[in-house]
Amino acid sequence: MFAIFSLTLGLAPFNPPHIWGKLQWIAGGGAFSGEHAMGAMDWFDVLLHGTPWLFLIAAIIAYVQFFIKKASN
């Protein structure tokens, strides 16, 4: 389920992926260099598009830890 959310909400709009542009903006380069500083709405946008990716990463880590623990028993 987290993978579906990440591929839909996490990447929308798709060309280029919106979250990638926001991450470049935070890093200070890329497509958004030279534009205004990020406002509250921009940070909310990063939170909205980034949350599915955080949940997906956490689920993968939990899945791997579960199977490592199961294999060691």
N, C-alpha and C. Protein backbone atom coordinates (compact mmCIF):
# COMPACT_ATOMS: atom_id res chain seq x y z
N MET A 1 0.82 -1.19 0.00
CA MET A 1 0.00 0.00 0.00
C MET A 1 0.87 1.26 0.00
N PHE A 2 1.96 1.23 0.79
CA PHE A 2 2.85 2.40 0.83
C PHE A 2 3.51 2.64 -0.53
N ALA A 3 3.79 1.58 -1.26
CA ALA A 3 4.39 1.73 -2.59
C ALA A 3 3.42 2.42 -3.54
N ILE A 4 2.15 2.09 -3.46
CA ILE A 4 1.15 2.73 -4.31
C ILE A 4 1.04 4.21 -3.97
N PHE A 5 1.01 4.53 -2.67
CA PHE A 5 0.94 5.93 -2.26
C PHE A 5 2.18 6.70 -2.71
N SER A 6 3.34 6.07 -2.61
CA SER A 6 4.58 6.73 -3.00
C SER A 6 4.62 7.00 -4.49
N LEU A 7 4.13 6.06 -5.27
CA LEU A 7 4.17 6.22 -6.73
C LEU A 7 3.08 7.16 -7.25
N THR A 8 2.03 7.38 -6.47
CA THR A 8 0.98 8.29 -6.93
C THR A 8 1.13 9.66 -6.27
N LEU A 9 0.80 9.76 -5.01
CA LEU A 9 0.88 11.04 -4.31
C LEU A 9 2.32 11.52 -4.16
N GLY A 10 3.24 10.61 -3.94
CA GLY A 10 4.63 10.98 -3.72
C GLY A 10 5.33 11.54 -4.94
N LEU A 11 4.89 11.16 -6.13
CA LEU A 11 5.53 11.63 -7.36
C LEU A 11 4.70 12.66 -8.13
N ALA A 12 3.43 12.83 -7.79
CA ALA A 12 2.57 13.73 -8.56
C ALA A 12 3.02 15.18 -8.42
N PRO A 13 2.92 16.00 -9.42
CA PRO A 13 2.79 15.69 -10.83
C PRO A 13 4.03 14.97 -11.34
N PHE A 14 3.87 14.21 -12.38
CA PHE A 14 4.86 13.20 -12.73
C PHE A 14 6.01 13.66 -13.61
N ASN A 15 5.89 14.76 -14.32
CA ASN A 15 6.95 15.13 -15.26
C ASN A 15 7.39 16.56 -15.04
N PRO A 16 8.45 16.85 -14.35
CA PRO A 16 9.29 15.97 -13.53
C PRO A 16 8.60 15.72 -12.20
N PRO A 17 9.02 14.70 -11.47
CA PRO A 17 8.41 14.44 -10.16
C PRO A 17 8.52 15.67 -9.26
N HIS A 18 7.40 16.08 -8.71
CA HIS A 18 7.32 17.30 -7.93
C HIS A 18 8.23 17.26 -6.71
N ILE A 19 8.28 16.13 -6.04
CA ILE A 19 9.10 16.02 -4.83
C ILE A 19 10.57 16.21 -5.16
N TRP A 20 11.00 15.76 -6.33
CA TRP A 20 12.40 15.92 -6.72
C TRP A 20 12.74 17.41 -6.86
N GLY A 21 11.87 18.17 -7.47
CA GLY A 21 12.09 19.60 -7.59
C GLY A 21 12.13 20.30 -6.24
N LYS A 22 11.26 19.90 -5.34
CA LYS A 22 11.25 20.49 -3.99
C LYS A 22 12.53 20.14 -3.23
N LEU A 23 13.01 18.90 -3.37
CA LEU A 23 14.25 18.52 -2.70
C LEU A 23 15.43 19.30 -3.26
N GLN A 24 15.43 19.55 -4.57
CA GLN A 24 16.48 20.37 -5.16
C GLN A 24 16.39 21.80 -4.65
N TRP A 25 15.18 22.29 -4.46
CA TRP A 25 14.98 23.64 -3.96
C TRP A 25 15.53 23.75 -2.54
N ILE A 26 15.26 22.74 -1.71
CA ILE A 26 15.78 22.73 -0.33
C ILE A 26 17.30 22.69 -0.34
N ALA A 27 17.87 21.90 -1.25
CA ALA A 27 19.34 21.79 -1.34
C ALA A 27 19.98 23.06 -1.89
N GLY A 28 19.17 23.94 -2.48
CA GLY A 28 19.69 25.21 -2.96
C GLY A 28 20.14 25.22 -4.40
N GLY A 29 19.71 24.27 -5.19
CA GLY A 29 20.11 24.24 -6.59
C GLY A 29 19.04 23.63 -7.45
N GLY A 30 19.41 23.29 -8.65
CA GLY A 30 18.49 22.62 -9.55
C GLY A 30 17.49 23.55 -10.18
N ALA A 31 16.30 23.04 -10.40
CA ALA A 31 15.28 23.76 -11.17
C ALA A 31 14.81 25.03 -10.48
N PHE A 32 14.95 25.11 -9.16
CA PHE A 32 14.40 26.24 -8.44
C PHE A 32 15.46 27.24 -7.98
N SER A 33 16.68 27.13 -8.47
CA SER A 33 17.74 28.04 -8.02
C SER A 33 17.42 29.46 -8.48
N GLY A 34 17.70 30.40 -7.59
CA GLY A 34 17.48 31.80 -7.90
C GLY A 34 16.06 32.28 -7.64
N GLU A 35 15.16 31.41 -7.23
CA GLU A 35 13.80 31.82 -6.95
C GLU A 35 13.67 32.22 -5.48
N HIS A 36 12.50 32.62 -5.09
CA HIS A 36 12.24 33.06 -3.73
C HIS A 36 12.45 31.91 -2.73
N ALA A 37 12.60 32.28 -1.46
CA ALA A 37 12.77 31.28 -0.41
C ALA A 37 11.48 30.49 -0.23
N MET A 38 11.60 29.31 0.31
CA MET A 38 10.43 28.46 0.52
C MET A 38 9.56 29.03 1.63
N GLY A 39 8.29 29.11 1.37
CA GLY A 39 7.32 29.57 2.36
C GLY A 39 6.66 28.39 3.05
N ALA A 40 5.70 28.72 3.90
CA ALA A 40 4.99 27.68 4.67
C ALA A 40 4.27 26.70 3.75
N MET A 41 3.68 27.20 2.68
CA MET A 41 2.97 26.33 1.75
C MET A 41 3.93 25.36 1.05
N ASP A 42 5.14 25.83 0.75
CA ASP A 42 6.13 24.96 0.11
C ASP A 42 6.57 23.85 1.06
N TRP A 43 6.76 24.18 2.34
CA TRP A 43 7.15 23.16 3.31
C TRP A 43 6.03 22.15 3.52
N PHE A 44 4.77 22.63 3.54
CA PHE A 44 3.64 21.71 3.63
C PHE A 44 3.60 20.79 2.42
N ASP A 45 3.91 21.33 1.26
CA ASP A 45 3.95 20.55 0.02
C ASP A 45 5.01 19.45 0.11
N VAL A 46 6.18 19.77 0.66
CA VAL A 46 7.24 18.77 0.85
C VAL A 46 6.75 17.69 1.82
N LEU A 47 6.10 18.10 2.89
CA LEU A 47 5.56 17.14 3.86
C LEU A 47 4.52 16.24 3.19
N LEU A 48 3.63 16.84 2.41
CA LEU A 48 2.58 16.07 1.76
C LEU A 48 3.14 15.05 0.77
N HIS A 49 4.09 15.46 -0.05
CA HIS A 49 4.64 14.56 -1.06
C HIS A 49 5.73 13.64 -0.51
N GLY A 50 6.34 14.00 0.62
CA GLY A 50 7.41 13.21 1.19
C GLY A 50 6.97 12.14 2.17
N THR A 51 5.82 12.34 2.81
CA THR A 51 5.35 11.38 3.81
C THR A 51 5.17 9.96 3.27
N PRO A 52 4.58 9.75 2.10
CA PRO A 52 4.47 8.37 1.61
C PRO A 52 5.83 7.69 1.45
N TRP A 53 6.85 8.47 1.04
CA TRP A 53 8.19 7.89 0.89
C TRP A 53 8.78 7.51 2.24
N LEU A 54 8.55 8.33 3.27
CA LEU A 54 9.05 7.98 4.61
C LEU A 54 8.39 6.71 5.14
N PHE A 55 7.07 6.59 4.93
CA PHE A 55 6.37 5.38 5.35
C PHE A 55 6.85 4.16 4.58
N LEU A 56 7.10 4.31 3.29
CA LEU A 56 7.61 3.19 2.48
C LEU A 56 8.98 2.75 2.98
N ILE A 57 9.86 3.68 3.25
CA ILE A 57 11.20 3.34 3.76
C ILE A 57 11.10 2.65 5.11
N ALA A 58 10.24 3.17 6.00
CA ALA A 58 10.06 2.55 7.32
C ALA A 58 9.50 1.14 7.20
N ALA A 59 8.56 0.93 6.28
CA ALA A 59 7.97 -0.40 6.09
C ALA A 59 9.01 -1.38 5.55
N ILE A 60 9.85 -0.93 4.63
CA ILE A 60 10.90 -1.81 4.09
C ILE A 60 11.89 -2.19 5.17
N ILE A 61 12.29 -1.23 5.99
CA ILE A 61 13.22 -1.51 7.09
C ILE A 61 12.60 -2.51 8.07
N ALA A 62 11.33 -2.31 8.44
CA ALA A 62 10.66 -3.24 9.36
C ALA A 62 10.54 -4.62 8.75
N TYR A 63 10.24 -4.69 7.46
CA TYR A 63 10.13 -5.97 6.75
C TYR A 63 11.45 -6.71 6.75
N VAL A 64 12.53 -6.03 6.47
CA VAL A 64 13.86 -6.65 6.44
C VAL A 64 14.26 -7.10 7.84
N GLN A 65 14.02 -6.27 8.85
CA GLN A 65 14.36 -6.64 10.22
C GLN A 65 13.57 -7.86 10.68
N PHE A 66 12.30 -7.94 10.30
CA PHE A 66 11.47 -9.07 10.67
C PHE A 66 12.04 -10.38 10.10
N PHE A 67 12.42 -10.35 8.83
CA PHE A 67 12.93 -11.57 8.21
C PHE A 67 14.34 -11.91 8.67
N ILE A 68 15.13 -10.93 9.02
CA ILE A 68 16.46 -11.22 9.60
C ILE A 68 16.29 -11.87 10.96
N LYS A 69 15.38 -11.34 11.77
CA LYS A 69 15.13 -11.92 13.08
C LYS A 69 14.55 -13.33 12.95
N LYS A 70 13.64 -13.53 12.00
CA LYS A 70 13.03 -14.84 11.80
C LYS A 70 14.08 -15.85 11.32
N ALA A 71 14.99 -15.42 10.46
CA ALA A 71 16.03 -16.31 9.95
C ALA A 71 17.04 -16.69 11.01
N SER A 72 17.26 -15.83 11.99
CA SER A 72 18.25 -16.12 13.03
C SER A 72 17.71 -17.07 14.10
N ASN A 73 16.39 -17.26 14.16
CA ASN A 73 15.81 -18.16 15.17
C ASN A 73 15.77 -19.56 14.70
